[in-house]
Amino acid sequence: MKSRAALFEASWLTYHRGTALVPGGSGWPGKAEDIADFNIDTEIAFFLKEAKEAAKEVIGNAALMQNTAKDCMDETVKTDEDKYKMSNPYFAQFSANSLEGYSEILLWRAYNLLDYKIVHSAPFYIRVGGNTGFTRQYVESFLCRDGKPIYTTDQYKGDKSLLDVRKNRDLRLQLFLMTPGETLSPNM
């Protein structure tokens, strides 16, 4: 919570600099003597430092799940296992029955119809999209590999096919957006 609040404050000060929404900005309703020692750059740096330190405290030394995904630009398959998305530990964790063994998972709830009389369909939606798939707006929100949105870069390869949409994009989009010919496991 501290990390998120500090990041919000740093972002607010950064993007509203010079407006009435930030102390000392044009039209700010406060008194000049109330902010005599105020330096917006110092405040932004302070809040960013606090956000980083609080996030680091939560993350600690937890090992992250290995993502073995190959960049979609590399169309060659190295081994038989590489053909199946469920062989990627990072991808498979999103359909795991229990998240107890995953150190990077901070909060989760066990769903078991027999023991808890509770069930959900999240793995189904993650695996097959619940027959709805991802919305175009969601897919377009992923940045290109150069860190820019699709409308400000020449890395975007268009949307004539799902393979084009995935090229040069964030590896998570490449991993989770199924395209023709991909399979989850030898049984699926």
N, C-alpha and C. Protein backbone atom coordinates (compact mmCIF):
# COMPACT_ATOMS: atom_id res chain seq x y z
N MET A 1 0.82 -1.18 0.00
CA MET A 1 0.00 0.00 0.00
C MET A 1 0.88 1.26 0.00
N LYS A 2 1.93 1.23 0.82
CA LYS A 2 2.83 2.38 0.89
C LYS A 2 3.48 2.64 -0.46
N SER A 3 3.90 1.60 -1.13
CA SER A 3 4.54 1.74 -2.42
C SER A 3 3.58 2.36 -3.44
N ARG A 4 2.35 1.87 -3.47
CA ARG A 4 1.37 2.39 -4.42
C ARG A 4 1.02 3.85 -4.12
N ALA A 5 0.86 4.19 -2.82
CA ALA A 5 0.53 5.57 -2.45
C ALA A 5 1.67 6.52 -2.81
N ALA A 6 2.91 6.09 -2.54
CA ALA A 6 4.06 6.94 -2.86
C ALA A 6 4.22 7.11 -4.37
N LEU A 7 4.00 6.05 -5.12
CA LEU A 7 4.09 6.15 -6.58
C LEU A 7 3.00 7.07 -7.13
N PHE A 8 1.80 7.00 -6.54
CA PHE A 8 0.72 7.90 -6.94
C PHE A 8 1.12 9.35 -6.70
N GLU A 9 1.66 9.62 -5.50
CA GLU A 9 2.05 10.99 -5.16
C GLU A 9 3.13 11.51 -6.11
N ALA A 10 4.14 10.68 -6.36
CA ALA A 10 5.22 11.10 -7.27
C ALA A 10 4.67 11.36 -8.67
N SER A 11 3.79 10.50 -9.13
CA SER A 11 3.20 10.67 -10.46
C SER A 11 2.33 11.92 -10.51
N TRP A 12 1.55 12.13 -9.46
CA TRP A 12 0.67 13.30 -9.41
C TRP A 12 1.50 14.58 -9.52
N LEU A 13 2.54 14.67 -8.70
CA LEU A 13 3.39 15.86 -8.72
C LEU A 13 4.05 16.05 -10.08
N THR A 14 4.46 14.94 -10.69
CA THR A 14 5.13 15.01 -11.99
C THR A 14 4.19 15.50 -13.08
N TYR A 15 3.01 14.90 -13.16
CA TYR A 15 2.11 15.19 -14.28
C TYR A 15 1.21 16.40 -14.08
N HIS A 16 1.15 16.91 -12.83
CA HIS A 16 0.35 18.10 -12.58
C HIS A 16 1.22 19.31 -12.21
N ARG A 17 2.50 19.17 -12.44
CA ARG A 17 3.45 20.26 -12.16
C ARG A 17 2.97 21.54 -12.86
N GLY A 18 3.03 22.64 -12.10
CA GLY A 18 2.67 23.93 -12.69
C GLY A 18 1.18 24.22 -12.71
N THR A 19 0.34 23.32 -12.22
CA THR A 19 -1.10 23.55 -12.20
C THR A 19 -1.55 23.89 -10.79
N ALA A 20 -2.81 24.25 -10.65
CA ALA A 20 -3.38 24.58 -9.34
C ALA A 20 -3.49 23.35 -8.44
N LEU A 21 -3.25 22.16 -8.99
CA LEU A 21 -3.37 20.93 -8.22
C LEU A 21 -2.10 20.58 -7.45
N VAL A 22 -1.04 21.35 -7.64
CA VAL A 22 0.24 21.10 -6.99
C VAL A 22 0.70 22.38 -6.30
N PRO A 23 1.22 22.27 -5.07
CA PRO A 23 1.68 23.47 -4.37
C PRO A 23 2.64 24.31 -5.22
N GLY A 24 2.35 25.61 -5.26
CA GLY A 24 3.19 26.54 -6.00
C GLY A 24 2.83 26.68 -7.47
N GLY A 25 1.92 25.85 -7.94
CA GLY A 25 1.53 25.91 -9.35
C GLY A 25 0.64 27.10 -9.64
N SER A 26 0.45 27.40 -10.90
CA SER A 26 -0.38 28.52 -11.32
C SER A 26 -1.81 28.33 -10.81
N GLY A 27 -2.30 29.29 -10.03
CA GLY A 27 -3.65 29.21 -9.51
C GLY A 27 -3.78 28.40 -8.22
N TRP A 28 -2.66 27.94 -7.68
CA TRP A 28 -2.71 27.18 -6.43
C TRP A 28 -3.27 28.07 -5.33
N PRO A 29 -4.26 27.60 -4.56
CA PRO A 29 -4.95 28.47 -3.59
C PRO A 29 -4.20 28.68 -2.26
N GLY A 30 -3.09 28.01 -2.04
CA GLY A 30 -2.36 28.12 -0.77
C GLY A 30 -1.56 29.40 -0.65
N LYS A 31 -0.91 29.54 0.51
CA LYS A 31 -0.09 30.72 0.78
C LYS A 31 1.36 30.41 0.46
N ALA A 32 2.08 31.39 -0.07
CA ALA A 32 3.48 31.22 -0.45
C ALA A 32 4.34 30.87 0.76
N GLU A 33 4.04 31.45 1.92
CA GLU A 33 4.86 31.17 3.10
C GLU A 33 4.69 29.72 3.60
N ASP A 34 3.57 29.08 3.24
CA ASP A 34 3.35 27.68 3.64
C ASP A 34 4.27 26.72 2.88
N ILE A 35 4.78 27.16 1.75
CA ILE A 35 5.63 26.29 0.94
C ILE A 35 6.99 26.93 0.67
N ALA A 36 7.47 27.70 1.63
CA ALA A 36 8.73 28.41 1.45
C ALA A 36 9.88 27.46 1.14
N ASP A 37 9.92 26.28 1.78
CA ASP A 37 11.01 25.32 1.57
C ASP A 37 10.63 24.21 0.59
N PHE A 38 9.49 24.35 -0.07
CA PHE A 38 9.00 23.29 -0.97
C PHE A 38 9.76 23.29 -2.28
N ASN A 39 10.25 22.11 -2.66
CA ASN A 39 10.92 21.92 -3.95
C ASN A 39 10.27 20.70 -4.60
N ILE A 40 9.58 20.90 -5.69
CA ILE A 40 8.82 19.82 -6.30
C ILE A 40 9.71 18.66 -6.74
N ASP A 41 10.89 18.95 -7.25
CA ASP A 41 11.80 17.87 -7.68
C ASP A 41 12.26 17.03 -6.49
N THR A 42 12.51 17.67 -5.37
CA THR A 42 12.91 16.95 -4.16
C THR A 42 11.76 16.07 -3.68
N GLU A 43 10.54 16.59 -3.73
CA GLU A 43 9.36 15.82 -3.31
C GLU A 43 9.15 14.60 -4.21
N ILE A 44 9.28 14.80 -5.51
CA ILE A 44 9.11 13.69 -6.45
C ILE A 44 10.16 12.61 -6.18
N ALA A 45 11.39 13.03 -6.01
CA ALA A 45 12.48 12.07 -5.73
C ALA A 45 12.22 11.33 -4.42
N PHE A 46 11.74 12.05 -3.39
CA PHE A 46 11.43 11.42 -2.11
C PHE A 46 10.37 10.34 -2.27
N PHE A 47 9.28 10.67 -2.93
CA PHE A 47 8.18 9.70 -3.07
C PHE A 47 8.59 8.50 -3.94
N LEU A 48 9.38 8.74 -4.99
CA LEU A 48 9.85 7.62 -5.80
C LEU A 48 10.77 6.70 -5.00
N LYS A 49 11.62 7.28 -4.18
CA LYS A 49 12.51 6.49 -3.32
C LYS A 49 11.70 5.65 -2.35
N GLU A 50 10.69 6.25 -1.73
CA GLU A 50 9.82 5.53 -0.79
C GLU A 50 9.07 4.39 -1.49
N ALA A 51 8.59 4.66 -2.70
CA ALA A 51 7.86 3.63 -3.46
C ALA A 51 8.77 2.44 -3.76
N LYS A 52 9.99 2.71 -4.19
CA LYS A 52 10.94 1.64 -4.52
C LYS A 52 11.30 0.83 -3.28
N GLU A 53 11.57 1.52 -2.17
CA GLU A 53 11.96 0.82 -0.94
C GLU A 53 10.83 -0.05 -0.40
N ALA A 54 9.60 0.46 -0.44
CA ALA A 54 8.46 -0.31 0.06
C ALA A 54 8.20 -1.52 -0.84
N ALA A 55 8.32 -1.35 -2.14
CA ALA A 55 8.12 -2.47 -3.06
C ALA A 55 9.20 -3.52 -2.87
N LYS A 56 10.43 -3.07 -2.66
CA LYS A 56 11.55 -3.99 -2.45
C LYS A 56 11.33 -4.81 -1.17
N GLU A 57 10.77 -4.18 -0.16
CA GLU A 57 10.49 -4.87 1.10
C GLU A 57 9.46 -5.99 0.90
N VAL A 58 8.46 -5.73 0.07
CA VAL A 58 7.44 -6.76 -0.21
C VAL A 58 8.03 -7.88 -1.05
N ILE A 59 8.78 -7.50 -2.05
CA ILE A 59 9.35 -8.50 -2.96
C ILE A 59 10.40 -9.34 -2.24
N GLY A 60 11.21 -8.67 -1.40
CA GLY A 60 12.24 -9.39 -0.67
C GLY A 60 13.16 -10.15 -1.60
N ASN A 61 13.48 -11.34 -1.22
CA ASN A 61 14.35 -12.18 -2.03
C ASN A 61 13.58 -13.30 -2.71
N ALA A 62 12.28 -13.11 -2.90
CA ALA A 62 11.47 -14.15 -3.53
C ALA A 62 11.96 -14.42 -4.95
N ALA A 63 12.14 -15.67 -5.25
CA ALA A 63 12.55 -16.06 -6.60
C ALA A 63 11.32 -16.00 -7.50
N LEU A 64 11.49 -15.39 -8.66
CA LEU A 64 10.38 -15.30 -9.60
C LEU A 64 10.33 -16.56 -10.45
N MET A 65 9.12 -16.90 -10.87
CA MET A 65 8.92 -18.07 -11.70
C MET A 65 9.61 -17.85 -13.05
N GLN A 66 10.30 -18.85 -13.52
CA GLN A 66 11.03 -18.74 -14.78
C GLN A 66 10.06 -18.71 -15.95
N ASN A 67 10.28 -17.76 -16.85
CA ASN A 67 9.51 -17.67 -18.08
C ASN A 67 10.41 -18.16 -19.20
N THR A 68 10.07 -19.32 -19.75
CA THR A 68 10.91 -19.93 -20.78
C THR A 68 10.43 -19.60 -22.19
N ALA A 69 9.53 -18.62 -22.31
CA ALA A 69 8.97 -18.28 -23.63
C ALA A 69 10.05 -17.78 -24.56
N LYS A 70 9.93 -18.16 -25.80
CA LYS A 70 10.81 -17.67 -26.85
C LYS A 70 10.11 -16.49 -27.52
N ASP A 71 10.87 -15.54 -27.94
CA ASP A 71 10.32 -14.41 -28.66
C ASP A 71 9.64 -14.93 -29.92
N CYS A 72 8.46 -14.40 -30.23
CA CYS A 72 7.71 -14.87 -31.39
C CYS A 72 8.41 -14.57 -32.72
N MET A 73 9.39 -13.69 -32.68
CA MET A 73 10.11 -13.42 -33.92
C MET A 73 10.99 -14.62 -34.26
N ASP A 74 11.33 -15.42 -33.24
CA ASP A 74 12.11 -16.62 -33.45
C ASP A 74 11.12 -17.76 -33.68
N GLU A 75 10.82 -18.04 -34.91
CA GLU A 75 9.80 -19.02 -35.25
C GLU A 75 10.29 -20.46 -35.14
N THR A 76 11.57 -20.67 -34.89
CA THR A 76 12.08 -22.03 -34.81
C THR A 76 11.78 -22.63 -33.46
N VAL A 77 11.44 -23.90 -33.44
CA VAL A 77 11.16 -24.62 -32.20
C VAL A 77 12.40 -25.41 -31.85
N LYS A 78 12.92 -25.21 -30.64
CA LYS A 78 14.17 -25.85 -30.25
C LYS A 78 13.99 -27.31 -29.85
N THR A 79 12.93 -27.61 -29.08
CA THR A 79 12.68 -28.98 -28.65
C THR A 79 11.18 -29.25 -28.73
N ASP A 80 10.79 -30.50 -28.55
CA ASP A 80 9.37 -30.84 -28.54
C ASP A 80 8.64 -30.12 -27.41
N GLU A 81 9.31 -29.98 -26.25
CA GLU A 81 8.68 -29.32 -25.10
C GLU A 81 8.36 -27.86 -25.39
N ASP A 82 9.18 -27.18 -26.21
CA ASP A 82 8.96 -25.77 -26.51
C ASP A 82 7.65 -25.53 -27.26
N LYS A 83 7.10 -26.57 -27.86
CA LYS A 83 5.86 -26.42 -28.62
C LYS A 83 4.66 -26.19 -27.71
N TYR A 84 4.73 -26.59 -26.46
CA TYR A 84 3.58 -26.58 -25.58
C TYR A 84 3.69 -25.48 -24.54
N LYS A 85 2.68 -24.62 -24.50
CA LYS A 85 2.70 -23.50 -23.57
C LYS A 85 2.73 -23.94 -22.11
N MET A 86 2.09 -25.05 -21.78
CA MET A 86 2.05 -25.49 -20.39
C MET A 86 3.41 -25.98 -19.90
N SER A 87 4.37 -26.16 -20.80
CA SER A 87 5.71 -26.54 -20.37
C SER A 87 6.50 -25.33 -19.85
N ASN A 88 5.94 -24.14 -20.03
CA ASN A 88 6.55 -22.91 -19.52
C ASN A 88 6.06 -22.71 -18.08
N PRO A 89 6.96 -22.76 -17.07
CA PRO A 89 6.53 -22.64 -15.67
C PRO A 89 5.76 -21.35 -15.37
N TYR A 90 6.14 -20.25 -15.99
CA TYR A 90 5.45 -18.99 -15.75
C TYR A 90 4.01 -19.07 -16.24
N PHE A 91 3.81 -19.61 -17.44
CA PHE A 91 2.47 -19.74 -18.02
C PHE A 91 1.64 -20.72 -17.20
N ALA A 92 2.24 -21.85 -16.82
CA ALA A 92 1.51 -22.91 -16.12
C ALA A 92 1.01 -22.47 -14.75
N GLN A 93 1.69 -21.54 -14.10
CA GLN A 93 1.26 -21.13 -12.76
C GLN A 93 -0.14 -20.51 -12.78
N PHE A 94 -0.56 -19.95 -13.91
CA PHE A 94 -1.87 -19.32 -13.99
C PHE A 94 -3.00 -20.33 -14.07
N SER A 95 -2.68 -21.60 -14.23
CA SER A 95 -3.70 -22.65 -14.23
C SER A 95 -3.43 -23.70 -13.16
N ALA A 96 -2.51 -23.42 -12.26
CA ALA A 96 -2.17 -24.38 -11.21
C ALA A 96 -3.34 -24.56 -10.24
N ASN A 97 -3.52 -25.78 -9.77
CA ASN A 97 -4.57 -26.05 -8.79
C ASN A 97 -4.24 -25.44 -7.44
N SER A 98 -2.97 -25.37 -7.09
CA SER A 98 -2.53 -24.79 -5.83
C SER A 98 -1.35 -23.86 -6.11
N LEU A 99 -1.38 -22.69 -5.50
CA LEU A 99 -0.31 -21.73 -5.67
C LEU A 99 0.64 -21.71 -4.48
N GLU A 100 0.54 -22.72 -3.63
CA GLU A 100 1.39 -22.79 -2.44
C GLU A 100 2.87 -22.79 -2.76
N GLY A 101 3.29 -23.41 -3.82
CA GLY A 101 4.71 -23.53 -4.13
C GLY A 101 5.29 -22.35 -4.89
N TYR A 102 4.51 -21.33 -5.12
CA TYR A 102 4.96 -20.19 -5.92
C TYR A 102 5.31 -19.02 -4.99
N SER A 103 6.59 -18.74 -4.84
CA SER A 103 7.03 -17.71 -3.89
C SER A 103 6.62 -16.30 -4.31
N GLU A 104 6.37 -16.07 -5.59
CA GLU A 104 6.02 -14.72 -6.02
C GLU A 104 4.54 -14.40 -5.84
N ILE A 105 3.72 -15.39 -5.55
CA ILE A 105 2.30 -15.18 -5.34
C ILE A 105 2.09 -14.68 -3.92
N LEU A 106 1.56 -13.47 -3.76
CA LEU A 106 1.39 -12.88 -2.45
C LEU A 106 0.04 -13.23 -1.82
N LEU A 107 -1.01 -13.22 -2.59
CA LEU A 107 -2.35 -13.53 -2.11
C LEU A 107 -3.03 -14.51 -3.06
N TRP A 108 -3.63 -15.52 -2.51
CA TRP A 108 -4.42 -16.42 -3.32
C TRP A 108 -5.39 -17.14 -2.41
N ARG A 109 -6.40 -17.69 -2.99
CA ARG A 109 -7.41 -18.42 -2.24
C ARG A 109 -7.60 -19.78 -2.89
N ALA A 110 -7.62 -20.80 -2.07
CA ALA A 110 -7.82 -22.15 -2.58
C ALA A 110 -9.30 -22.33 -2.92
N TYR A 111 -9.57 -22.83 -4.10
CA TYR A 111 -10.93 -23.15 -4.51
C TYR A 111 -10.99 -24.65 -4.74
N ASN A 112 -11.83 -25.30 -4.00
CA ASN A 112 -11.97 -26.73 -4.13
C ASN A 112 -13.41 -27.06 -3.82
N LEU A 113 -14.14 -27.54 -4.79
CA LEU A 113 -15.56 -27.80 -4.64
C LEU A 113 -15.84 -28.77 -3.50
N LEU A 114 -15.03 -29.80 -3.35
CA LEU A 114 -15.29 -30.80 -2.32
C LEU A 114 -15.02 -30.28 -0.92
N ASP A 115 -13.90 -29.60 -0.72
CA ASP A 115 -13.54 -29.14 0.61
C ASP A 115 -14.21 -27.83 1.01
N TYR A 116 -14.34 -26.92 0.09
CA TYR A 116 -14.81 -25.58 0.43
C TYR A 116 -16.20 -25.25 -0.11
N LYS A 117 -16.72 -26.10 -0.96
CA LYS A 117 -18.02 -25.84 -1.62
C LYS A 117 -17.98 -24.55 -2.44
N ILE A 118 -16.76 -24.22 -2.94
CA ILE A 118 -16.55 -23.02 -3.74
C ILE A 118 -15.81 -23.44 -5.00
N VAL A 119 -16.17 -22.85 -6.11
CA VAL A 119 -15.48 -23.15 -7.36
C VAL A 119 -15.48 -21.89 -8.23
N HIS A 120 -14.55 -21.80 -9.14
CA HIS A 120 -14.53 -20.68 -10.08
C HIS A 120 -14.02 -21.21 -11.43
N SER A 121 -14.05 -20.35 -12.44
CA SER A 121 -13.68 -20.77 -13.79
C SER A 121 -12.47 -20.01 -14.32
N ALA A 122 -11.67 -19.40 -13.46
CA ALA A 122 -10.53 -18.60 -13.92
C ALA A 122 -9.58 -19.39 -14.82
N PRO A 123 -9.16 -20.61 -14.45
CA PRO A 123 -8.24 -21.33 -15.35
C PRO A 123 -8.83 -21.56 -16.73
N PHE A 124 -10.13 -21.81 -16.80
CA PHE A 124 -10.77 -22.01 -18.10
C PHE A 124 -10.65 -20.75 -18.95
N TYR A 125 -10.92 -19.61 -18.35
CA TYR A 125 -10.85 -18.36 -19.11
C TYR A 125 -9.42 -18.04 -19.52
N ILE A 126 -8.47 -18.37 -18.66
CA ILE A 126 -7.07 -18.11 -19.00
C ILE A 126 -6.61 -19.05 -20.10
N ARG A 127 -7.02 -20.31 -20.02
CA ARG A 127 -6.57 -21.29 -21.02
C ARG A 127 -7.20 -21.07 -22.39
N VAL A 128 -8.53 -20.92 -22.41
CA VAL A 128 -9.20 -20.87 -23.71
C VAL A 128 -9.98 -19.59 -23.95
N GLY A 129 -9.90 -18.64 -23.03
CA GLY A 129 -10.58 -17.37 -23.25
C GLY A 129 -12.06 -17.42 -23.01
N GLY A 130 -12.59 -18.53 -22.50
CA GLY A 130 -14.02 -18.63 -22.22
C GLY A 130 -14.86 -18.37 -23.45
N ASN A 131 -14.32 -18.72 -24.62
CA ASN A 131 -14.97 -18.47 -25.90
C ASN A 131 -15.20 -16.99 -26.16
N THR A 132 -14.46 -16.15 -25.46
CA THR A 132 -14.58 -14.71 -25.70
C THR A 132 -13.27 -14.12 -26.20
N GLY A 133 -12.16 -14.67 -25.78
CA GLY A 133 -10.87 -14.15 -26.19
C GLY A 133 -10.59 -12.81 -25.55
N PHE A 134 -9.48 -12.19 -25.93
CA PHE A 134 -9.11 -10.88 -25.42
C PHE A 134 -9.78 -9.82 -26.28
N THR A 135 -10.13 -8.70 -25.66
CA THR A 135 -10.69 -7.61 -26.46
C THR A 135 -9.55 -6.93 -27.22
N ARG A 136 -9.90 -6.31 -28.30
CA ARG A 136 -8.90 -5.59 -29.10
C ARG A 136 -8.25 -4.49 -28.27
N GLN A 137 -9.06 -3.79 -27.47
CA GLN A 137 -8.53 -2.72 -26.63
C GLN A 137 -7.49 -3.26 -25.65
N TYR A 138 -7.74 -4.44 -25.07
CA TYR A 138 -6.79 -5.04 -24.14
C TYR A 138 -5.48 -5.37 -24.86
N VAL A 139 -5.57 -5.98 -26.03
CA VAL A 139 -4.37 -6.36 -26.79
C VAL A 139 -3.58 -5.12 -27.19
N GLU A 140 -4.28 -4.06 -27.59
CA GLU A 140 -3.59 -2.84 -28.02
C GLU A 140 -2.94 -2.10 -26.85
N SER A 141 -3.30 -2.44 -25.63
CA SER A 141 -2.69 -1.78 -24.47
C SER A 141 -1.27 -2.28 -24.20
N PHE A 142 -0.87 -3.40 -24.79
CA PHE A 142 0.50 -3.90 -24.60
C PHE A 142 1.47 -3.08 -25.43
N LEU A 143 2.57 -2.70 -24.82
CA LEU A 143 3.58 -1.91 -25.50
C LEU A 143 4.39 -2.76 -26.47
N CYS A 144 5.07 -2.08 -27.37
CA CYS A 144 6.01 -2.77 -28.26
C CYS A 144 7.32 -2.97 -27.51
N ARG A 145 8.21 -3.74 -28.09
CA ARG A 145 9.47 -4.07 -27.43
C ARG A 145 10.32 -2.84 -27.13
N ASP A 146 10.12 -1.75 -27.86
CA ASP A 146 10.89 -0.52 -27.59
C ASP A 146 10.27 0.31 -26.47
N GLY A 147 9.18 -0.21 -25.84
CA GLY A 147 8.54 0.47 -24.73
C GLY A 147 7.51 1.50 -25.14
N LYS A 148 7.21 1.59 -26.42
CA LYS A 148 6.26 2.59 -26.91
C LYS A 148 4.94 1.93 -27.29
N PRO A 149 3.83 2.71 -27.24
CA PRO A 149 2.54 2.18 -27.69
C PRO A 149 2.55 1.95 -29.20
N ILE A 150 1.62 1.13 -29.67
CA ILE A 150 1.61 0.75 -31.09
C ILE A 150 1.46 1.95 -32.02
N TYR A 151 0.82 3.02 -31.56
CA TYR A 151 0.58 4.16 -32.44
C TYR A 151 1.74 5.15 -32.51
N THR A 152 2.84 4.89 -31.75
CA THR A 152 3.98 5.83 -31.80
C THR A 152 5.28 5.15 -32.19
N THR A 153 5.21 3.98 -32.76
CA THR A 153 6.44 3.25 -33.09
C THR A 153 6.32 2.60 -34.45
N ASP A 154 7.46 2.35 -35.06
CA ASP A 154 7.45 1.63 -36.33
C ASP A 154 7.63 0.13 -36.10
N GLN A 155 7.69 -0.29 -34.84
CA GLN A 155 7.83 -1.72 -34.54
C GLN A 155 6.51 -2.48 -34.69
N TYR A 156 5.38 -1.79 -34.64
CA TYR A 156 4.09 -2.46 -34.75
C TYR A 156 3.91 -2.96 -36.17
N LYS A 157 3.58 -4.24 -36.29
CA LYS A 157 3.50 -4.88 -37.61
C LYS A 157 2.08 -5.01 -38.15
N GLY A 158 1.13 -4.34 -37.52
CA GLY A 158 -0.24 -4.36 -38.03
C GLY A 158 -1.06 -5.46 -37.41
N ASP A 159 -2.30 -5.56 -37.91
CA ASP A 159 -3.20 -6.53 -37.32
C ASP A 159 -3.91 -7.39 -38.37
N LYS A 160 -3.17 -7.73 -39.42
CA LYS A 160 -3.75 -8.61 -40.43
C LYS A 160 -3.92 -10.03 -39.91
N SER A 161 -3.06 -10.41 -38.95
CA SER A 161 -3.17 -11.73 -38.33
C SER A 161 -2.73 -11.62 -36.88
N LEU A 162 -3.06 -12.63 -36.09
CA LEU A 162 -2.63 -12.63 -34.69
C LEU A 162 -1.12 -12.68 -34.58
N LEU A 163 -0.47 -13.33 -35.54
CA LEU A 163 1.00 -13.37 -35.51
C LEU A 163 1.58 -11.97 -35.70
N ASP A 164 0.96 -11.16 -36.59
CA ASP A 164 1.41 -9.78 -36.78
C ASP A 164 1.22 -8.96 -35.50
N VAL A 165 0.07 -9.15 -34.85
CA VAL A 165 -0.24 -8.40 -33.63
C VAL A 165 0.79 -8.67 -32.55
N ARG A 166 1.29 -9.90 -32.47
CA ARG A 166 2.23 -10.29 -31.41
C ARG A 166 3.67 -9.88 -31.69
N LYS A 167 4.03 -9.71 -32.94
CA LYS A 167 5.43 -9.42 -33.28
C LYS A 167 5.90 -8.12 -32.64
N ASN A 168 7.11 -8.16 -32.10
CA ASN A 168 7.76 -7.00 -31.48
C ASN A 168 6.99 -6.43 -30.30
N ARG A 169 6.16 -7.24 -29.66
CA ARG A 169 5.35 -6.78 -28.54
C ARG A 169 5.86 -7.38 -27.24
N ASP A 170 5.36 -6.87 -26.14
CA ASP A 170 5.66 -7.36 -24.80
C ASP A 170 5.57 -8.90 -24.81
N LEU A 171 6.57 -9.54 -24.21
CA LEU A 171 6.61 -11.00 -24.22
C LEU A 171 5.40 -11.64 -23.54
N ARG A 172 4.76 -10.95 -22.60
CA ARG A 172 3.56 -11.51 -21.96
C ARG A 172 2.42 -11.61 -22.95
N LEU A 173 2.28 -10.65 -23.85
CA LEU A 173 1.25 -10.76 -24.88
C LEU A 173 1.58 -11.92 -25.80
N GLN A 174 2.85 -12.05 -26.16
CA GLN A 174 3.26 -13.14 -27.03
C GLN A 174 2.98 -14.49 -26.38
N LEU A 175 3.11 -14.56 -25.07
CA LEU A 175 2.91 -15.81 -24.36
C LEU A 175 1.43 -16.15 -24.20
N PHE A 176 0.62 -15.20 -23.81
CA PHE A 176 -0.77 -15.49 -23.46
C PHE A 176 -1.76 -15.39 -24.61
N LEU A 177 -1.40 -14.78 -25.71
CA LEU A 177 -2.30 -14.69 -26.85
C LEU A 177 -2.07 -15.90 -27.75
N MET A 178 -2.99 -16.83 -27.72
CA MET A 178 -2.86 -18.05 -28.52
C MET A 178 -3.05 -17.71 -30.00
N THR A 179 -2.25 -18.34 -30.83
CA THR A 179 -2.36 -18.16 -32.27
C THR A 179 -2.54 -19.53 -32.92
N PRO A 180 -3.02 -19.56 -34.14
CA PRO A 180 -3.23 -20.84 -34.81
C PRO A 180 -1.97 -21.70 -34.80
N GLY A 181 -2.14 -22.97 -34.49
CA GLY A 181 -1.04 -23.91 -34.47
C GLY A 181 -0.40 -24.11 -33.11
N GLU A 182 -0.71 -23.23 -32.15
CA GLU A 182 -0.14 -23.38 -30.81
C GLU A 182 -1.01 -24.34 -30.00
N THR A 183 -0.37 -25.09 -29.14
CA THR A 183 -1.11 -25.98 -28.23
C THR A 183 -0.61 -25.79 -26.81
N LEU A 184 -1.49 -26.09 -25.86
CA LEU A 184 -1.13 -25.94 -24.46
C LEU A 184 -0.27 -27.10 -23.97
N SER A 185 -0.63 -28.29 -24.35
CA SER A 185 0.10 -29.47 -23.92
C SER A 185 -0.14 -30.57 -24.96
N PRO A 186 0.57 -31.69 -24.86
CA PRO A 186 0.36 -32.76 -25.84
C PRO A 186 -1.08 -33.28 -25.84
N ASN A 187 -1.81 -33.09 -24.73
CA ASN A 187 -3.18 -33.60 -24.61
C ASN A 187 -4.23 -32.59 -25.01
N MET A 188 -3.84 -31.37 -25.31
CA MET A 188 -4.84 -30.33 -25.60
C MET A 188 -4.67 -29.79 -26.99
